[in-house]
N, C-alpha and C. Protein backbone atom coordinates (compact mmCIF):
# COMPACT_ATOMS: atom_id res chain seq x y z
N MET A 1 128.60 -74.06 284.46
CA MET A 1 127.82 -75.20 284.08
C MET A 1 128.20 -75.60 282.65
N THR A 2 128.32 -76.85 282.41
CA THR A 2 128.71 -77.32 281.07
C THR A 2 127.46 -77.79 280.33
N PRO A 3 127.44 -77.54 279.01
CA PRO A 3 126.26 -77.98 278.24
C PRO A 3 126.20 -79.50 278.17
N PRO A 4 125.02 -80.03 278.02
CA PRO A 4 124.90 -81.49 277.95
C PRO A 4 125.60 -82.02 276.70
N GLN A 5 126.21 -83.14 276.85
CA GLN A 5 126.91 -83.78 275.75
C GLN A 5 125.92 -84.64 274.96
N ARG A 6 125.95 -84.45 273.65
CA ARG A 6 125.06 -85.23 272.79
C ARG A 6 125.86 -86.28 272.05
N LYS A 7 125.27 -87.39 271.90
CA LYS A 7 125.93 -88.45 271.16
C LYS A 7 125.35 -88.48 269.74
N ARG A 8 126.22 -88.57 268.78
CA ARG A 8 125.78 -88.66 267.39
C ARG A 8 125.34 -90.09 267.09
N ARG A 9 124.26 -90.14 266.34
CA ARG A 9 123.79 -91.45 265.91
C ARG A 9 124.48 -91.81 264.59
N ALA A 10 124.77 -93.04 264.45
CA ALA A 10 125.36 -93.50 263.19
C ALA A 10 124.25 -93.56 262.14
N PRO A 11 124.52 -93.13 260.90
CA PRO A 11 123.47 -93.20 259.88
C PRO A 11 123.09 -94.64 259.58
N LYS A 12 121.82 -94.83 259.33
CA LYS A 12 121.34 -96.17 259.02
C LYS A 12 121.76 -96.53 257.59
N PRO A 13 122.12 -97.75 257.37
CA PRO A 13 122.47 -98.14 255.99
C PRO A 13 121.22 -98.11 255.13
N PRO A 14 121.37 -97.77 253.83
CA PRO A 14 120.18 -97.73 252.96
C PRO A 14 119.60 -99.13 252.81
N PRO A 15 118.29 -99.21 252.64
CA PRO A 15 117.68 -100.52 252.50
C PRO A 15 118.14 -101.16 251.19
N PRO A 16 118.23 -102.47 251.16
CA PRO A 16 118.66 -103.13 249.93
C PRO A 16 117.61 -102.94 248.84
N PRO A 17 118.04 -102.85 247.57
CA PRO A 17 117.06 -102.68 246.49
C PRO A 17 116.16 -103.91 246.40
N PRO A 18 114.93 -103.71 245.96
CA PRO A 18 114.02 -104.86 245.85
C PRO A 18 114.54 -105.83 244.80
N PRO A 19 114.33 -107.10 245.01
CA PRO A 19 114.82 -108.06 244.03
C PRO A 19 114.07 -107.91 242.71
N ALA A 20 114.79 -108.09 241.62
CA ALA A 20 114.19 -107.99 240.29
C ALA A 20 113.25 -109.17 240.09
N PRO A 21 112.09 -108.93 239.47
CA PRO A 21 111.16 -110.04 239.25
C PRO A 21 111.79 -111.05 238.28
N LYS A 22 111.65 -112.29 238.64
CA LYS A 22 112.22 -113.34 237.80
C LYS A 22 111.18 -113.76 236.78
N PRO A 23 111.63 -113.93 235.54
CA PRO A 23 110.66 -114.32 234.51
C PRO A 23 110.14 -115.73 234.76
N VAL A 24 108.86 -115.89 234.50
CA VAL A 24 108.22 -117.19 234.61
C VAL A 24 108.59 -117.97 233.35
N ASP A 25 108.54 -119.28 233.44
CA ASP A 25 108.88 -120.09 232.27
C ASP A 25 108.08 -119.65 231.05
N GLY A 26 108.76 -119.43 229.94
CA GLY A 26 108.12 -119.04 228.69
C GLY A 26 107.99 -117.54 228.51
N GLU A 27 108.26 -116.75 229.53
CA GLU A 27 108.16 -115.29 229.41
C GLU A 27 109.54 -114.71 229.21
N ALA A 28 109.59 -113.62 228.47
CA ALA A 28 110.86 -112.92 228.28
C ALA A 28 111.12 -112.05 229.50
N GLU A 29 112.35 -111.59 229.62
CA GLU A 29 112.70 -110.72 230.73
C GLU A 29 111.96 -109.38 230.58
N PRO A 30 111.64 -108.69 231.70
CA PRO A 30 110.94 -107.41 231.59
C PRO A 30 111.78 -106.41 230.81
N LYS A 31 111.10 -105.62 229.97
CA LYS A 31 111.80 -104.66 229.12
C LYS A 31 111.60 -103.25 229.67
N ASN A 32 112.44 -102.34 229.19
CA ASN A 32 112.29 -100.93 229.53
C ASN A 32 111.06 -100.38 228.81
N PRO A 33 110.49 -99.28 229.32
CA PRO A 33 109.36 -98.67 228.63
C PRO A 33 109.77 -98.21 227.23
N GLU A 34 108.77 -97.97 226.39
CA GLU A 34 109.05 -97.54 225.03
C GLU A 34 109.79 -96.21 225.01
N ARG A 35 110.71 -96.09 224.10
CA ARG A 35 111.42 -94.83 223.92
C ARG A 35 110.52 -93.86 223.18
N LEU A 36 110.73 -92.57 223.40
CA LEU A 36 109.85 -91.57 222.80
C LEU A 36 109.95 -91.54 221.29
N TYR A 37 111.12 -91.86 220.73
CA TYR A 37 111.21 -91.81 219.28
C TYR A 37 110.39 -92.93 218.63
N THR A 38 110.10 -94.00 219.36
CA THR A 38 109.23 -95.02 218.80
C THR A 38 107.78 -94.57 218.85
N VAL A 39 107.42 -93.76 219.83
CA VAL A 39 106.07 -93.21 219.90
C VAL A 39 105.87 -92.22 218.76
N ALA A 40 106.88 -91.37 218.55
CA ALA A 40 106.77 -90.36 217.51
C ALA A 40 106.82 -91.00 216.13
N GLY A 41 107.59 -92.08 215.98
CA GLY A 41 107.59 -92.81 214.73
C GLY A 41 108.38 -92.18 213.60
N SER A 42 109.01 -91.08 213.82
CA SER A 42 109.74 -90.40 212.75
C SER A 42 111.23 -90.61 212.94
N GLU A 43 111.89 -91.02 211.86
CA GLU A 43 113.32 -91.24 211.96
C GLU A 43 114.09 -89.93 211.95
N ASP A 44 113.61 -88.98 211.14
CA ASP A 44 114.36 -87.73 211.01
C ASP A 44 113.99 -86.71 212.08
N GLY A 45 112.87 -86.88 212.76
CA GLY A 45 112.48 -85.96 213.82
C GLY A 45 112.02 -84.60 213.31
N ALA A 46 111.48 -84.57 212.08
CA ALA A 46 111.01 -83.30 211.51
C ALA A 46 109.87 -82.75 212.38
N ARG A 47 109.86 -81.44 212.53
CA ARG A 47 108.85 -80.81 213.38
C ARG A 47 108.28 -79.58 212.71
N ALA A 48 106.98 -79.39 212.89
CA ALA A 48 106.33 -78.15 212.45
C ALA A 48 106.57 -77.09 213.50
N GLU A 49 106.44 -75.84 213.11
CA GLU A 49 106.61 -74.73 214.05
C GLU A 49 105.34 -74.60 214.89
N LEU A 50 105.34 -75.19 216.06
CA LEU A 50 104.17 -75.19 216.94
C LEU A 50 104.52 -74.53 218.27
N ASP A 51 103.56 -73.79 218.80
CA ASP A 51 103.68 -73.24 220.15
C ASP A 51 102.84 -74.09 221.10
N LEU A 52 102.98 -73.83 222.37
CA LEU A 52 102.16 -74.53 223.35
C LEU A 52 100.69 -74.20 223.20
N VAL A 53 100.39 -72.99 222.68
CA VAL A 53 99.00 -72.55 222.58
C VAL A 53 98.41 -72.72 221.19
N THR A 54 99.15 -73.33 220.26
CA THR A 54 98.63 -73.59 218.92
C THR A 54 97.48 -74.59 219.03
N LEU A 55 96.38 -74.29 218.35
CA LEU A 55 95.20 -75.14 218.41
C LEU A 55 95.24 -76.20 217.32
N ILE A 56 94.86 -77.41 217.67
CA ILE A 56 94.84 -78.54 216.75
C ILE A 56 93.40 -79.03 216.63
N VAL A 57 92.94 -79.23 215.38
CA VAL A 57 91.59 -79.70 215.12
C VAL A 57 91.68 -80.90 214.18
N ALA A 58 90.96 -81.97 214.50
CA ALA A 58 90.96 -83.18 213.66
C ALA A 58 90.15 -82.92 212.40
N ARG A 59 90.66 -83.41 211.26
CA ARG A 59 89.95 -83.30 209.99
C ARG A 59 89.33 -84.64 209.60
N ASP A 60 89.77 -85.71 210.23
CA ASP A 60 89.34 -87.05 209.85
C ASP A 60 89.26 -87.92 211.10
N THR A 61 88.68 -89.08 210.96
CA THR A 61 88.60 -90.04 212.07
C THR A 61 89.89 -90.85 212.14
N PRO A 62 90.16 -91.49 213.27
CA PRO A 62 91.39 -92.29 213.38
C PRO A 62 91.42 -93.42 212.34
N GLN A 63 92.61 -93.63 211.77
CA GLN A 63 92.81 -94.69 210.79
C GLN A 63 93.21 -95.98 211.52
N PRO A 64 92.76 -97.14 211.05
CA PRO A 64 93.14 -98.39 211.72
C PRO A 64 94.63 -98.67 211.64
N ALA A 65 95.30 -98.15 210.61
CA ALA A 65 96.73 -98.40 210.45
C ALA A 65 97.58 -97.46 211.30
N GLY A 66 96.98 -96.45 211.90
CA GLY A 66 97.73 -95.47 212.69
C GLY A 66 98.11 -96.00 214.05
N SER A 67 99.01 -95.28 214.70
CA SER A 67 99.46 -95.67 216.04
C SER A 67 98.37 -95.32 217.07
N PRO A 68 98.43 -95.91 218.25
CA PRO A 68 97.45 -95.57 219.29
C PRO A 68 97.51 -94.10 219.69
N GLU A 69 98.72 -93.53 219.67
CA GLU A 69 98.86 -92.11 220.03
C GLU A 69 98.19 -91.22 219.00
N GLN A 70 98.35 -91.57 217.71
CA GLN A 70 97.70 -90.78 216.66
C GLN A 70 96.18 -90.88 216.78
N ALA A 71 95.69 -92.07 217.06
CA ALA A 71 94.25 -92.25 217.22
C ALA A 71 93.74 -91.43 218.41
N ALA A 72 94.51 -91.40 219.49
CA ALA A 72 94.10 -90.63 220.67
C ALA A 72 94.07 -89.14 220.36
N VAL A 73 95.05 -88.65 219.61
CA VAL A 73 95.07 -87.22 219.23
C VAL A 73 93.85 -86.90 218.39
N LEU A 74 93.54 -87.74 217.42
CA LEU A 74 92.39 -87.48 216.54
C LEU A 74 91.08 -87.52 217.31
N ARG A 75 90.96 -88.42 218.29
CA ARG A 75 89.73 -88.47 219.10
C ARG A 75 89.61 -87.24 219.98
N LEU A 76 90.73 -86.83 220.58
CA LEU A 76 90.68 -85.67 221.48
C LEU A 76 90.43 -84.36 220.73
N CYS A 77 90.88 -84.29 219.48
CA CYS A 77 90.81 -83.04 218.74
C CYS A 77 89.53 -82.87 217.94
N ALA A 78 88.46 -83.55 218.33
CA ALA A 78 87.18 -83.30 217.68
C ALA A 78 86.81 -81.83 217.87
N ASN A 79 87.13 -81.29 219.02
CA ASN A 79 87.04 -79.85 219.30
C ASN A 79 88.47 -79.33 219.41
N PRO A 80 88.70 -78.06 219.10
CA PRO A 80 90.07 -77.53 219.14
C PRO A 80 90.71 -77.68 220.52
N LEU A 81 91.94 -78.21 220.53
CA LEU A 81 92.73 -78.32 221.76
C LEU A 81 94.13 -77.79 221.48
N SER A 82 94.73 -77.19 222.50
CA SER A 82 96.10 -76.69 222.34
C SER A 82 97.08 -77.84 222.44
N VAL A 83 98.29 -77.60 221.95
CA VAL A 83 99.34 -78.61 222.01
C VAL A 83 99.67 -78.94 223.47
N ALA A 84 99.63 -77.93 224.34
CA ALA A 84 99.91 -78.16 225.76
C ALA A 84 98.87 -79.08 226.38
N GLU A 85 97.60 -78.89 226.03
CA GLU A 85 96.55 -79.75 226.56
C GLU A 85 96.71 -81.19 226.06
N LEU A 86 97.00 -81.33 224.78
CA LEU A 86 97.22 -82.67 224.23
C LEU A 86 98.39 -83.36 224.91
N SER A 87 99.45 -82.60 225.11
CA SER A 87 100.64 -83.15 225.77
C SER A 87 100.31 -83.63 227.18
N ALA A 88 99.49 -82.87 227.89
CA ALA A 88 99.11 -83.25 229.25
C ALA A 88 98.18 -84.46 229.25
N TYR A 89 97.20 -84.46 228.35
CA TYR A 89 96.25 -85.58 228.31
C TYR A 89 96.93 -86.89 227.95
N LEU A 90 97.89 -86.85 227.02
CA LEU A 90 98.55 -88.07 226.57
C LEU A 90 99.80 -88.40 227.37
N ASN A 91 100.16 -87.51 228.30
CA ASN A 91 101.33 -87.71 229.14
C ASN A 91 102.60 -87.90 228.30
N LEU A 92 102.73 -87.04 227.28
CA LEU A 92 103.91 -87.03 226.41
C LEU A 92 104.58 -85.67 226.49
N PRO A 93 105.90 -85.61 226.40
CA PRO A 93 106.56 -84.31 226.42
C PRO A 93 106.26 -83.52 225.14
N PHE A 94 106.44 -82.22 225.23
CA PHE A 94 106.14 -81.32 224.11
C PHE A 94 106.91 -81.70 222.87
N SER A 95 108.17 -82.10 223.01
CA SER A 95 108.98 -82.43 221.85
C SER A 95 108.41 -83.63 221.09
N ALA A 96 108.00 -84.67 221.80
CA ALA A 96 107.41 -85.83 221.14
C ALA A 96 106.05 -85.49 220.55
N MET A 97 105.32 -84.61 221.23
CA MET A 97 104.00 -84.21 220.75
C MET A 97 104.11 -83.45 219.43
N THR A 98 105.12 -82.58 219.30
CA THR A 98 105.27 -81.82 218.06
C THR A 98 105.61 -82.74 216.89
N VAL A 99 106.42 -83.76 217.12
CA VAL A 99 106.74 -84.71 216.05
C VAL A 99 105.49 -85.49 215.65
N LEU A 100 104.71 -85.91 216.63
CA LEU A 100 103.48 -86.65 216.37
C LEU A 100 102.48 -85.80 215.59
N ILE A 101 102.32 -84.55 215.99
CA ILE A 101 101.39 -83.65 215.30
C ILE A 101 101.90 -83.33 213.90
N THR A 102 103.21 -83.21 213.73
CA THR A 102 103.78 -82.96 212.40
C THR A 102 103.43 -84.09 211.45
N GLU A 103 103.51 -85.33 211.93
CA GLU A 103 103.12 -86.47 211.08
C GLU A 103 101.65 -86.40 210.70
N LEU A 104 100.81 -86.00 211.64
CA LEU A 104 99.38 -85.89 211.35
C LEU A 104 99.10 -84.75 210.38
N ILE A 105 99.89 -83.68 210.45
CA ILE A 105 99.72 -82.55 209.52
C ILE A 105 100.10 -82.98 208.11
N THR A 106 101.23 -83.68 207.97
CA THR A 106 101.66 -84.11 206.64
C THR A 106 100.69 -85.12 206.04
N ALA A 107 100.03 -85.92 206.88
CA ALA A 107 99.02 -86.87 206.40
C ALA A 107 97.67 -86.19 206.20
N GLU A 108 97.59 -84.89 206.49
CA GLU A 108 96.37 -84.08 206.37
C GLU A 108 95.22 -84.65 207.19
N LEU A 109 95.55 -85.14 208.39
CA LEU A 109 94.53 -85.64 209.30
C LEU A 109 94.12 -84.60 210.33
N VAL A 110 94.97 -83.59 210.56
CA VAL A 110 94.65 -82.51 211.49
C VAL A 110 94.90 -81.17 210.82
N GLN A 111 94.29 -80.16 211.38
CA GLN A 111 94.46 -78.78 210.92
C GLN A 111 95.02 -77.96 212.08
N VAL A 112 95.94 -77.07 211.77
CA VAL A 112 96.55 -76.23 212.80
C VAL A 112 95.94 -74.84 212.70
N ARG A 113 95.56 -74.30 213.84
CA ARG A 113 94.99 -72.94 213.89
C ARG A 113 95.80 -72.10 214.86
N ALA A 114 95.89 -70.84 214.54
CA ALA A 114 96.54 -69.90 215.46
C ALA A 114 95.66 -69.76 216.69
N PRO A 115 96.26 -69.49 217.84
CA PRO A 115 95.45 -69.32 219.05
C PRO A 115 94.52 -68.11 218.93
N ILE A 116 93.42 -68.20 219.63
CA ILE A 116 92.46 -67.10 219.62
C ILE A 116 93.02 -65.98 220.48
N VAL A 117 93.16 -64.80 219.88
CA VAL A 117 93.73 -63.66 220.58
C VAL A 117 92.59 -62.76 221.04
N ARG A 118 92.67 -62.35 222.27
CA ARG A 118 91.65 -61.42 222.78
C ARG A 118 91.78 -60.08 222.07
N GLN A 119 90.64 -59.50 221.78
CA GLN A 119 90.67 -58.19 221.13
C GLN A 119 91.08 -57.14 222.15
N VAL A 120 91.65 -56.09 221.63
CA VAL A 120 92.09 -55.01 222.49
C VAL A 120 90.86 -54.32 223.06
N VAL A 121 90.89 -54.03 224.35
CA VAL A 121 89.78 -53.37 225.02
C VAL A 121 89.69 -51.93 224.50
N PRO A 122 88.48 -51.48 224.12
CA PRO A 122 88.34 -50.11 223.62
C PRO A 122 88.76 -49.08 224.68
N ASP A 123 89.14 -47.93 224.21
CA ASP A 123 89.56 -46.85 225.10
C ASP A 123 88.40 -46.42 225.99
N ARG A 124 88.69 -46.23 227.26
CA ARG A 124 87.64 -45.86 228.22
C ARG A 124 86.99 -44.53 227.86
N SER A 125 87.76 -43.58 227.39
CA SER A 125 87.20 -42.27 227.04
C SER A 125 86.20 -42.39 225.89
N LEU A 126 86.46 -43.29 224.95
CA LEU A 126 85.53 -43.50 223.85
C LEU A 126 84.23 -44.09 224.38
N LEU A 127 84.32 -45.06 225.28
CA LEU A 127 83.11 -45.64 225.85
C LEU A 127 82.31 -44.62 226.65
N GLU A 128 83.00 -43.76 227.39
CA GLU A 128 82.29 -42.73 228.16
C GLU A 128 81.61 -41.73 227.24
N ALA A 129 82.26 -41.37 226.13
CA ALA A 129 81.65 -40.45 225.18
C ALA A 129 80.40 -41.04 224.56
N VAL A 130 80.44 -42.33 224.24
CA VAL A 130 79.24 -42.99 223.68
C VAL A 130 78.14 -43.04 224.72
N MET A 131 78.51 -43.36 225.96
CA MET A 131 77.51 -43.44 227.03
C MET A 131 76.84 -42.08 227.25
N HIS A 132 77.64 -41.01 227.29
CA HIS A 132 77.06 -39.68 227.49
C HIS A 132 76.19 -39.26 226.31
N GLY A 133 76.61 -39.62 225.12
CA GLY A 133 75.81 -39.32 223.93
C GLY A 133 74.47 -40.03 223.97
N LEU A 134 74.46 -41.29 224.40
CA LEU A 134 73.22 -42.03 224.52
C LEU A 134 72.31 -41.47 225.60
N GLN A 135 72.90 -40.96 226.69
CA GLN A 135 72.09 -40.39 227.77
C GLN A 135 71.41 -39.10 227.34
N ARG A 136 72.04 -38.37 226.43
CA ARG A 136 71.45 -37.10 225.96
C ARG A 136 70.26 -37.34 225.04
N LEU A 137 70.16 -38.52 224.46
CA LEU A 137 69.05 -38.78 223.53
C LEU A 137 67.75 -38.85 224.23
């Protein structure tokens, strides 16, 4: 008995790309989204040594002359937030976030704090000795 013969289907051609929107009279052509270096605002790209878990706390209210991103960081940092959380809330990559926070640090608008480290758990034998001592009282 011979196996059934299968016919190969020809691949479908890809759909044509959607037509670009045509500008209406008086409007400029659509532009690309803003580049990250314009959001960060720094020409030299100087950065502070920040980790993802470094906590940022606002020292002042947003300035009217500041960028919208700086104002958003200052509003969010009324309570301590990590750089990773700020990056997620503002939908900015870590690299752009560090440049933005560096500018706020140099302007003394935010304060940087080390992350809160959990204390080392006491030795179990020490806890048992204290418990037994208390039971004897």
